[in-house]
C-alpha atoms as a PDB file:
ATOM      1  CA  UNK A   1     269.214 149.625 175.397  1.00  0.00           C
ATOM      2  CA  UNK A   2     267.897 149.447 172.801  1.00  0.00           C
ATOM      3  CA  UNK A   3     265.324 146.137 172.691  1.00  0.00           C
ATOM      4  CA  UNK A   4     265.803 143.216 170.342  1.00  0.00           C
ATOM      5  CA  UNK A   5     263.433 141.900 167.641  1.00  0.00           C
ATOM      6  CA  UNK A   6     262.482 138.544 166.987  1.00  0.00           C
ATOM      7  CA  UNK A   7     263.194 137.698 163.641  1.00  0.00           C
ATOM      8  CA  UNK A   8     261.410 135.075 162.009  1.00  0.00           C
ATOM      9  CA  UNK A   9     264.955 132.439 160.263  1.00  0.00           C
ATOM     10  CA  UNK A  10     263.056 132.289 157.557  1.00  0.00           C
ATOM     11  CA  UNK A  11     266.931 131.171 156.044  1.00  0.00           C
ATOM     12  CA  UNK A  12     267.006 128.222 158.068  1.00  0.00           C
ATOM     13  CA  UNK A  13     263.424 127.011 157.716  1.00  0.00           C
ATOM     14  CA  UNK A  14     263.535 127.385 153.760  1.00  0.00           C
ATOM     15  CA  UNK A  15     267.245 125.237 153.751  1.00  0.00           C
ATOM     16  CA  UNK A  16     264.809 122.708 156.229  1.00  0.00           C
ATOM     17  CA  UNK A  17     262.326 123.033 154.290  1.00  0.00           C
ATOM     18  CA  UNK A  18     263.600 122.423 150.696  1.00  0.00           C
ATOM     19  CA  UNK A  19     266.897 119.423 151.970  1.00  0.00           C
ATOM     20  CA  UNK A  20     263.126 117.704 153.600  1.00  0.00           C
ATOM     21  CA  UNK A  21     262.037 117.886 150.186  1.00  0.00           C
ATOM     22  CA  UNK A  22     265.173 116.554 148.137  1.00  0.00           C
ATOM     23  CA  UNK A  23     265.313 113.650 151.494  1.00  0.00           C
ATOM     24  CA  UNK A  24     261.387 112.754 150.909  1.00  0.00           C
ATOM     25  CA  UNK A  25     261.963 112.782 146.866  1.00  0.00           C
ATOM     26  CA  UNK A  26     265.551 110.835 146.627  1.00  0.00           C
ATOM     27  CA  UNK A  27     263.631 108.350 149.953  1.00  0.00           C
ATOM     28  CA  UNK A  28     260.644 108.145 147.072  1.00  0.00           C
ATOM     29  CA  UNK A  29     263.325 107.241 144.854  1.00  0.00           C
ATOM     30  CA  UNK A  30     265.516 104.627 146.097  1.00  0.00           C
ATOM     31  CA  UNK A  31     262.124 102.791 148.021  1.00  0.00           C
ATOM     32  CA  UNK A  32     259.034 103.799 146.406  1.00  0.00           C
ATOM     33  CA  UNK A  33     257.987 103.745 142.734  1.00  0.00           C
ATOM     34  CA  UNK A  34     257.755 107.169 141.713  1.00  0.00           C
ATOM     35  CA  UNK A  35     261.333 108.446 139.642  1.00  0.00           C
ATOM     36  CA  UNK A  36     262.880 111.150 141.030  1.00  0.00           C
ATOM     37  CA  UNK A  37     261.594 112.083 137.079  1.00  0.00           C
ATOM     38  CA  UNK A  38     258.344 112.372 138.455  1.00  0.00           C
ATOM     39  CA  UNK A  39     258.591 114.213 141.635  1.00  0.00           C
ATOM     40  CA  UNK A  40     260.757 116.879 140.851  1.00  0.00           C
ATOM     41  CA  UNK A  41     257.893 120.126 141.127  1.00  0.00           C
ATOM     42  CA  UNK A  42     257.684 118.778 144.953  1.00  0.00           C
ATOM     43  CA  UNK A  43     261.110 120.786 145.463  1.00  0.00           C
ATOM     44  CA  UNK A  44     260.015 124.068 143.099  1.00  0.00           C
ATOM     45  CA  UNK A  45     256.496 123.463 145.282  1.00  0.00           C
ATOM     46  CA  UNK A  46     259.293 123.970 148.468  1.00  0.00           C
ATOM     47  CA  UNK A  47     260.447 126.753 147.186  1.00  0.00           C
ATOM     48  CA  UNK A  48     257.414 128.715 146.845  1.00  0.00           C
ATOM     49  CA  UNK A  49     256.132 127.720 150.418  1.00  0.00           C
ATOM     50  CA  UNK A  50     259.669 129.639 151.204  1.00  0.00           C
ATOM     51  CA  UNK A  51     258.614 132.549 149.358  1.00  0.00           C
ATOM     52  CA  UNK A  52     255.131 132.041 151.003  1.00  0.00           C
ATOM     53  CA  UNK A  53     256.997 131.709 155.050  1.00  0.00           C
ATOM     54  CA  UNK A  54     259.399 134.892 154.006  1.00  0.00           C
ATOM     55  CA  UNK A  55     256.695 137.623 153.651  1.00  0.00           C
ATOM     56  CA  UNK A  56     256.064 137.009 150.034  1.00  0.00           C
ATOM     57  CA  UNK A  57     252.560 134.944 150.186  1.00  0.00           C
ATOM     58  CA  UNK A  58     251.184 135.337 146.727  1.00  0.00           C
ATOM     59  CA  UNK A  59     253.453 134.538 145.031  1.00  0.00           C
ATOM     60  CA  UNK A  60     255.046 131.375 146.962  1.00  0.00           C
ATOM     61  CA  UNK A  61     251.561 130.477 146.767  1.00  0.00           C
ATOM     62  CA  UNK A  62     251.504 130.884 142.819  1.00  0.00           C
ATOM     63  CA  UNK A  63     254.344 129.250 142.540  1.00  0.00           C
ATOM     64  CA  UNK A  64     252.898 126.289 144.681  1.00  0.00           C
ATOM     65  CA  UNK A  65     250.175 125.552 143.436  1.00  0.00           C
ATOM     66  CA  UNK A  66     251.625 125.362 139.335  1.00  0.00           C
ATOM     67  CA  UNK A  67     253.634 123.009 140.445  1.00  0.00           C
ATOM     68  CA  UNK A  68     250.887 121.410 142.301  1.00  0.00           C
ATOM     69  CA  UNK A  69     249.273 120.702 139.154  1.00  0.00           C
ATOM     70  CA  UNK A  70     252.716 119.863 137.297  1.00  0.00           C
ATOM     71  CA  UNK A  71     253.517 117.071 140.414  1.00  0.00           C
ATOM     72  CA  UNK A  72     250.033 116.093 139.673  1.00  0.00           C
ATOM     73  CA  UNK A  73     250.434 116.141 135.720  1.00  0.00           C
ATOM     74  CA  UNK A  74     253.946 113.605 136.701  1.00  0.00           C
ATOM     75  CA  UNK A  75     251.709 111.036 138.673  1.00  0.00           C
ATOM     76  CA  UNK A  76     248.923 110.926 135.765  1.00  0.00           C
ATOM     77  CA  UNK A  77     246.859 111.944 138.260  1.00  0.00           C
ATOM     78  CA  UNK A  78     245.175 114.149 135.511  1.00  0.00           C
ATOM     79  CA  UNK A  79     246.067 115.892 132.668  1.00  0.00           C
ATOM     80  CA  UNK A  80     247.125 118.958 132.745  1.00  0.00           C
ATOM     81  CA  UNK A  81     246.235 120.049 128.852  1.00  0.00           C
ATOM     82  CA  UNK A  82     242.972 119.677 130.160  1.00  0.00           C
ATOM     83  CA  UNK A  83     243.056 120.802 133.787  1.00  0.00           C
ATOM     84  CA  UNK A  84     245.197 124.040 132.958  1.00  0.00           C
ATOM     85  CA  UNK A  85     242.379 127.125 134.176  1.00  0.00           C
ATOM     86  CA  UNK A  86     242.615 126.033 138.055  1.00  0.00           C
ATOM     87  CA  UNK A  87     245.667 128.405 137.441  1.00  0.00           C
ATOM     88  CA  UNK A  88     243.127 131.176 136.538  1.00  0.00           C
ATOM     89  CA  UNK A  89     241.125 130.362 139.820  1.00  0.00           C
ATOM     90  CA  UNK A  90     243.873 130.275 141.273  1.00  0.00           C
ATOM     91  CA  UNK A  91     245.592 132.713 140.298  1.00  0.00           C
ATOM     92  CA  UNK A  92     241.888 134.701 140.717  1.00  0.00           C
ATOM     93  CA  UNK A  93     242.057 133.782 144.432  1.00  0.00           C
ATOM     94  CA  UNK A  94     245.177 135.111 144.239  1.00  0.00           C
ATOM     95  CA  UNK A  95     244.318 138.538 143.533  1.00  0.00           C
ATOM     96  CA  UNK A  96     241.031 138.484 146.816  1.00  0.00           C
ATOM     97  CA  UNK A  97     244.183 137.473 149.208  1.00  0.00           C
ATOM     98  CA  UNK A  98     245.998 140.003 148.114  1.00  0.00           C
ATOM     99  CA  UNK A  99     243.629 142.721 148.122  1.00  0.00           C
ATOM    100  CA  UNK A 100     242.366 141.383 150.861  1.00  0.00           C
ATOM    101  CA  UNK A 101     246.364 141.334 152.795  1.00  0.00           C
ATOM    102  CA  UNK A 102     246.758 145.006 151.642  1.00  0.00           C
ATOM    103  CA  UNK A 103     243.566 146.372 152.919  1.00  0.00           C
ATOM    104  CA  UNK A 104     244.424 145.133 156.339  1.00  0.00           C
ATOM    105  CA  UNK A 105     248.114 146.511 156.252  1.00  0.00           C
ATOM    106  CA  UNK A 106     246.607 150.017 155.357  1.00  0.00           C
ATOM    107  CA  UNK A 107     244.598 149.593 158.565  1.00  0.00           C
ATOM    108  CA  UNK A 108     247.371 149.156 160.752  1.00  0.00           C
ATOM    109  CA  UNK A 109     249.100 152.168 159.610  1.00  0.00           C
ATOM    110  CA  UNK A 110     247.780 155.050 162.234  1.00  0.00           C
ATOM    111  CA  UNK A 111     246.383 158.205 159.773  1.00  0.00           C
ATOM    112  CA  UNK A 112     248.429 160.847 160.025  1.00  0.00           C
ATOM    113  CA  UNK A 113     246.504 164.412 160.989  1.00  0.00           C
ATOM    114  CA  UNK A 114     246.356 167.896 159.062  1.00  0.00           C
END
């Protein structure tokens, strides 16, 4: 008999993360001072986290970083107009992460002899 592979239940984890984020946003809207119109980027950040958990690390982290800046701008913690260069720094970090990940995956592959 063939052994079954252990699979990460990405769909279940993704659904739970998105539902928890949505529930937290509605609770903040109902009981807190932060409205849904200000906190909606959290949902996009949850989607980015789901992508990262699902194996698309660089794309997921890129989405999370962008919407984190939008969230901080919506909450008036800092102005997006002045802080947009952070996106460039974040993208550079993601390029390095992608490069390091691809190099480590190359090392894991067995080399074929001639």
